[in-house]
Amino acid sequence: MELDESDPKVLFVKCPVILMKPSHSSKVKDFKNYNCPVYKTSARRGVLSTTGHSTNFVMMIRLPTSFEQKHWIKRGVALLTQLDD
């Protein structure tokens, strides 16, 4: 029930379904997490919109993990809504 290393030579792994339930920030429990970016495609780039954000970027999701954030940042971990296959 947390983000962990994938098997060797496995580039893409399916993510389990994530329930997104709105709640007040004061009621959200604090836990060790990785702020994982979600992109529409694996390109991780897009045209900058007037807000200064990439059109490919969707949102950030807090994923529970036992590792530090820098561990996942070095590996370039991100969630994708679709693969380019």
N, C-alpha and C. Protein backbone atom coordinates (compact mmCIF):
# COMPACT_ATOMS: atom_id res chain seq x y z
N MET A 1 0.82 -1.20 0.00
CA MET A 1 0.00 0.00 0.00
C MET A 1 0.86 1.26 0.00
N GLU A 2 2.05 1.16 -0.63
CA GLU A 2 2.90 2.33 -0.76
C GLU A 2 3.78 2.22 -2.00
N LEU A 3 4.34 3.34 -2.41
CA LEU A 3 5.23 3.39 -3.56
C LEU A 3 6.52 2.64 -3.23
N ASP A 4 6.92 1.74 -4.13
CA ASP A 4 8.11 0.93 -3.91
C ASP A 4 8.83 0.73 -5.25
N GLU A 5 10.03 0.20 -5.20
CA GLU A 5 10.82 -0.05 -6.40
C GLU A 5 10.13 -1.07 -7.31
N SER A 6 10.28 -0.88 -8.61
CA SER A 6 9.73 -1.85 -9.56
C SER A 6 10.73 -2.99 -9.77
N ASP A 7 10.28 -4.03 -10.43
CA ASP A 7 11.17 -5.15 -10.74
C ASP A 7 12.23 -4.68 -11.74
N PRO A 8 13.40 -5.34 -11.76
CA PRO A 8 14.45 -4.96 -12.71
C PRO A 8 13.97 -5.00 -14.17
N LYS A 9 14.38 -4.02 -14.94
CA LYS A 9 14.09 -3.89 -16.37
C LYS A 9 12.61 -3.68 -16.69
N VAL A 10 11.81 -3.30 -15.71
CA VAL A 10 10.39 -2.99 -15.92
C VAL A 10 10.25 -1.48 -15.91
N LEU A 11 9.90 -0.91 -17.07
CA LEU A 11 9.83 0.54 -17.20
C LEU A 11 8.50 1.11 -16.76
N PHE A 12 7.39 0.45 -17.10
CA PHE A 12 6.06 0.94 -16.75
C PHE A 12 5.34 -0.10 -15.90
N VAL A 13 4.70 0.35 -14.83
CA VAL A 13 3.94 -0.51 -13.93
C VAL A 13 2.58 0.14 -13.73
N LYS A 14 1.52 -0.67 -13.79
CA LYS A 14 0.17 -0.12 -13.57
C LYS A 14 0.03 0.34 -12.12
N CYS A 15 -0.60 1.48 -11.97
CA CYS A 15 -0.88 2.02 -10.64
C CYS A 15 -2.28 1.55 -10.23
N PRO A 16 -2.46 1.17 -8.96
CA PRO A 16 -3.80 0.79 -8.53
C PRO A 16 -4.74 2.01 -8.62
N VAL A 17 -6.01 1.75 -8.63
CA VAL A 17 -7.00 2.82 -8.67
C VAL A 17 -6.85 3.68 -7.41
N ILE A 18 -6.87 4.99 -7.61
CA ILE A 18 -6.71 5.93 -6.50
C ILE A 18 -8.03 6.65 -6.27
N LEU A 19 -8.57 6.54 -5.07
CA LEU A 19 -9.80 7.23 -4.71
C LEU A 19 -9.45 8.66 -4.31
N MET A 20 -10.03 9.62 -5.00
CA MET A 20 -9.77 11.02 -4.69
C MET A 20 -10.99 11.59 -3.98
N LYS A 21 -10.81 11.80 -2.69
CA LYS A 21 -11.92 12.26 -1.86
C LYS A 21 -11.61 13.65 -1.30
N PRO A 22 -12.39 14.65 -1.66
CA PRO A 22 -12.11 16.00 -1.16
C PRO A 22 -12.31 16.09 0.35
N SER A 23 -11.42 16.80 1.00
CA SER A 23 -11.56 17.02 2.44
C SER A 23 -10.80 18.29 2.81
N HIS A 24 -11.08 18.81 3.98
CA HIS A 24 -10.42 20.02 4.46
C HIS A 24 -8.98 19.68 4.82
N SER A 25 -8.05 20.55 4.47
CA SER A 25 -6.63 20.28 4.69
C SER A 25 -6.27 20.05 6.16
N SER A 26 -7.03 20.62 7.08
CA SER A 26 -6.74 20.42 8.51
C SER A 26 -7.10 19.00 8.97
N LYS A 27 -7.90 18.29 8.20
CA LYS A 27 -8.31 16.93 8.57
C LYS A 27 -7.48 15.85 7.88
N VAL A 28 -6.56 16.25 6.99
CA VAL A 28 -5.72 15.29 6.27
C VAL A 28 -4.57 14.87 7.17
N LYS A 29 -4.37 13.55 7.31
CA LYS A 29 -3.28 13.04 8.14
C LYS A 29 -1.95 13.29 7.46
N ASP A 30 -0.94 13.58 8.26
CA ASP A 30 0.41 13.76 7.74
C ASP A 30 1.10 12.41 7.68
N PHE A 31 1.70 12.08 6.56
CA PHE A 31 2.40 10.81 6.40
C PHE A 31 3.58 11.02 5.46
N LYS A 32 4.57 10.13 5.53
CA LYS A 32 5.73 10.22 4.66
C LYS A 32 5.26 9.93 3.24
N ASN A 33 5.51 10.88 2.33
CA ASN A 33 4.96 10.74 0.98
C ASN A 33 5.91 11.28 -0.08
N TYR A 34 5.57 10.97 -1.32
CA TYR A 34 6.23 11.52 -2.49
C TYR A 34 5.17 12.30 -3.27
N ASN A 35 5.42 13.56 -3.52
CA ASN A 35 4.51 14.38 -4.32
C ASN A 35 4.75 14.04 -5.79
N CYS A 36 3.97 13.10 -6.29
CA CYS A 36 4.16 12.55 -7.62
C CYS A 36 3.41 13.36 -8.67
N PRO A 37 4.12 13.83 -9.71
CA PRO A 37 3.43 14.55 -10.79
C PRO A 37 2.65 13.58 -11.68
N VAL A 38 1.52 14.05 -12.19
CA VAL A 38 0.70 13.27 -13.12
C VAL A 38 0.71 14.01 -14.45
N TYR A 39 1.06 13.29 -15.53
CA TYR A 39 1.12 13.86 -16.87
C TYR A 39 0.13 13.14 -17.79
N LYS A 40 -0.31 13.83 -18.82
CA LYS A 40 -1.21 13.22 -19.80
C LYS A 40 -0.47 12.20 -20.65
N THR A 41 0.76 12.50 -21.06
CA THR A 41 1.57 11.58 -21.88
C THR A 41 2.97 11.47 -21.29
N SER A 42 3.75 10.55 -21.82
CA SER A 42 5.10 10.34 -21.30
C SER A 42 6.08 11.43 -21.76
N ALA A 43 5.66 12.33 -22.62
CA ALA A 43 6.54 13.38 -23.12
C ALA A 43 7.00 14.32 -21.99
N ARG A 44 6.19 14.50 -20.97
CA ARG A 44 6.48 15.38 -19.83
C ARG A 44 6.77 16.81 -20.25
N ARG A 45 6.34 17.17 -21.40
CA ARG A 45 6.49 18.54 -21.84
C ARG A 45 5.22 18.92 -22.59
N GLY A 46 5.01 20.16 -22.67
CA GLY A 46 3.84 20.65 -23.38
C GLY A 46 3.99 22.14 -23.58
N VAL A 47 3.04 22.73 -24.21
CA VAL A 47 3.06 24.16 -24.43
C VAL A 47 2.72 24.86 -23.13
N LEU A 48 3.48 25.90 -22.79
CA LEU A 48 3.16 26.65 -21.58
C LEU A 48 1.89 27.45 -21.81
N SER A 49 0.96 27.31 -20.88
CA SER A 49 -0.29 28.06 -20.98
C SER A 49 -0.10 29.45 -20.38
N THR A 50 -1.12 30.24 -20.40
CA THR A 50 -1.03 31.60 -19.84
C THR A 50 -0.78 31.59 -18.35
N THR A 51 -1.07 30.48 -17.67
CA THR A 51 -0.82 30.39 -16.23
C THR A 51 0.62 30.01 -15.93
N GLY A 52 1.40 29.65 -16.97
CA GLY A 52 2.79 29.28 -16.78
C GLY A 52 3.00 27.80 -16.55
N HIS A 53 1.92 27.02 -16.60
CA HIS A 53 2.02 25.56 -16.42
C HIS A 53 2.00 24.87 -17.78
N SER A 54 2.61 23.71 -17.82
CA SER A 54 2.62 22.92 -19.04
C SER A 54 1.22 22.36 -19.30
N THR A 55 0.83 22.28 -20.55
CA THR A 55 -0.49 21.73 -20.89
C THR A 55 -0.51 20.22 -20.72
N ASN A 56 0.65 19.60 -20.54
CA ASN A 56 0.73 18.15 -20.36
C ASN A 56 0.59 17.78 -18.88
N PHE A 57 0.88 18.69 -17.98
CA PHE A 57 0.81 18.44 -16.55
C PHE A 57 -0.64 18.45 -16.09
N VAL A 58 -1.02 17.45 -15.26
CA VAL A 58 -2.40 17.36 -14.77
C VAL A 58 -2.49 17.83 -13.32
N MET A 59 -1.74 17.18 -12.43
CA MET A 59 -1.80 17.51 -11.00
C MET A 59 -0.70 16.78 -10.25
N MET A 60 -0.59 17.04 -8.96
CA MET A 60 0.32 16.30 -8.08
C MET A 60 -0.53 15.39 -7.19
N ILE A 61 -0.03 14.19 -6.93
CA ILE A 61 -0.71 13.25 -6.03
C ILE A 61 0.29 12.82 -4.96
N ARG A 62 -0.13 12.86 -3.70
CA ARG A 62 0.72 12.42 -2.60
C ARG A 62 0.64 10.91 -2.48
N LEU A 63 1.75 10.22 -2.76
CA LEU A 63 1.79 8.76 -2.67
C LEU A 63 2.57 8.36 -1.42
N PRO A 64 2.01 7.50 -0.58
CA PRO A 64 2.75 7.05 0.61
C PRO A 64 3.99 6.24 0.21
N THR A 65 5.09 6.44 0.94
CA THR A 65 6.33 5.74 0.66
C THR A 65 7.20 5.69 1.91
N SER A 66 8.14 4.75 1.94
CA SER A 66 9.09 4.66 3.04
C SER A 66 10.38 5.41 2.71
N PHE A 67 10.54 5.82 1.46
CA PHE A 67 11.75 6.50 1.01
C PHE A 67 11.57 8.01 1.05
N GLU A 68 12.70 8.72 0.98
CA GLU A 68 12.67 10.18 0.91
C GLU A 68 12.23 10.62 -0.48
N GLN A 69 11.74 11.86 -0.59
CA GLN A 69 11.31 12.39 -1.89
C GLN A 69 12.44 12.37 -2.91
N LYS A 70 13.66 12.72 -2.49
CA LYS A 70 14.78 12.81 -3.44
C LYS A 70 15.07 11.46 -4.10
N HIS A 71 14.75 10.36 -3.42
CA HIS A 71 14.93 9.02 -3.98
C HIS A 71 14.11 8.87 -5.26
N TRP A 72 12.86 9.29 -5.21
CA TRP A 72 11.95 9.15 -6.36
C TRP A 72 12.22 10.22 -7.41
N ILE A 73 12.64 11.40 -6.98
CA ILE A 73 12.95 12.47 -7.94
C ILE A 73 14.13 12.06 -8.81
N LYS A 74 15.16 11.45 -8.20
CA LYS A 74 16.33 10.99 -8.97
C LYS A 74 15.92 9.95 -10.02
N ARG A 75 14.91 9.15 -9.72
CA ARG A 75 14.46 8.11 -10.65
C ARG A 75 13.44 8.63 -11.67
N GLY A 76 13.01 9.86 -11.51
CA GLY A 76 12.06 10.44 -12.45
C GLY A 76 10.69 9.81 -12.40
N VAL A 77 10.26 9.41 -11.21
CA VAL A 77 8.96 8.72 -11.06
C VAL A 77 7.81 9.70 -11.30
N ALA A 78 6.87 9.29 -12.15
CA ALA A 78 5.68 10.08 -12.44
C ALA A 78 4.55 9.14 -12.82
N LEU A 79 3.33 9.61 -12.68
CA LEU A 79 2.16 8.86 -13.14
C LEU A 79 1.76 9.41 -14.50
N LEU A 80 1.31 8.51 -15.38
CA LEU A 80 0.87 8.89 -16.71
C LEU A 80 -0.57 8.46 -16.91
N THR A 81 -1.36 9.30 -17.58
CA THR A 81 -2.75 8.93 -17.84
C THR A 81 -2.85 7.98 -19.03
N GLN A 82 -1.81 7.98 -19.91
CA GLN A 82 -1.80 7.08 -21.06
C GLN A 82 -0.37 6.83 -21.51
N LEU A 83 -0.15 5.68 -22.13
CA LEU A 83 1.16 5.36 -22.69
C LEU A 83 1.16 5.70 -24.18
N ASP A 84 2.33 5.84 -24.75
CA ASP A 84 2.45 6.19 -26.16
C ASP A 84 2.36 5.00 -27.09
N ASP A 85 2.17 3.80 -26.55
CA ASP A 85 2.17 2.58 -27.37
C ASP A 85 1.25 2.65 -28.53
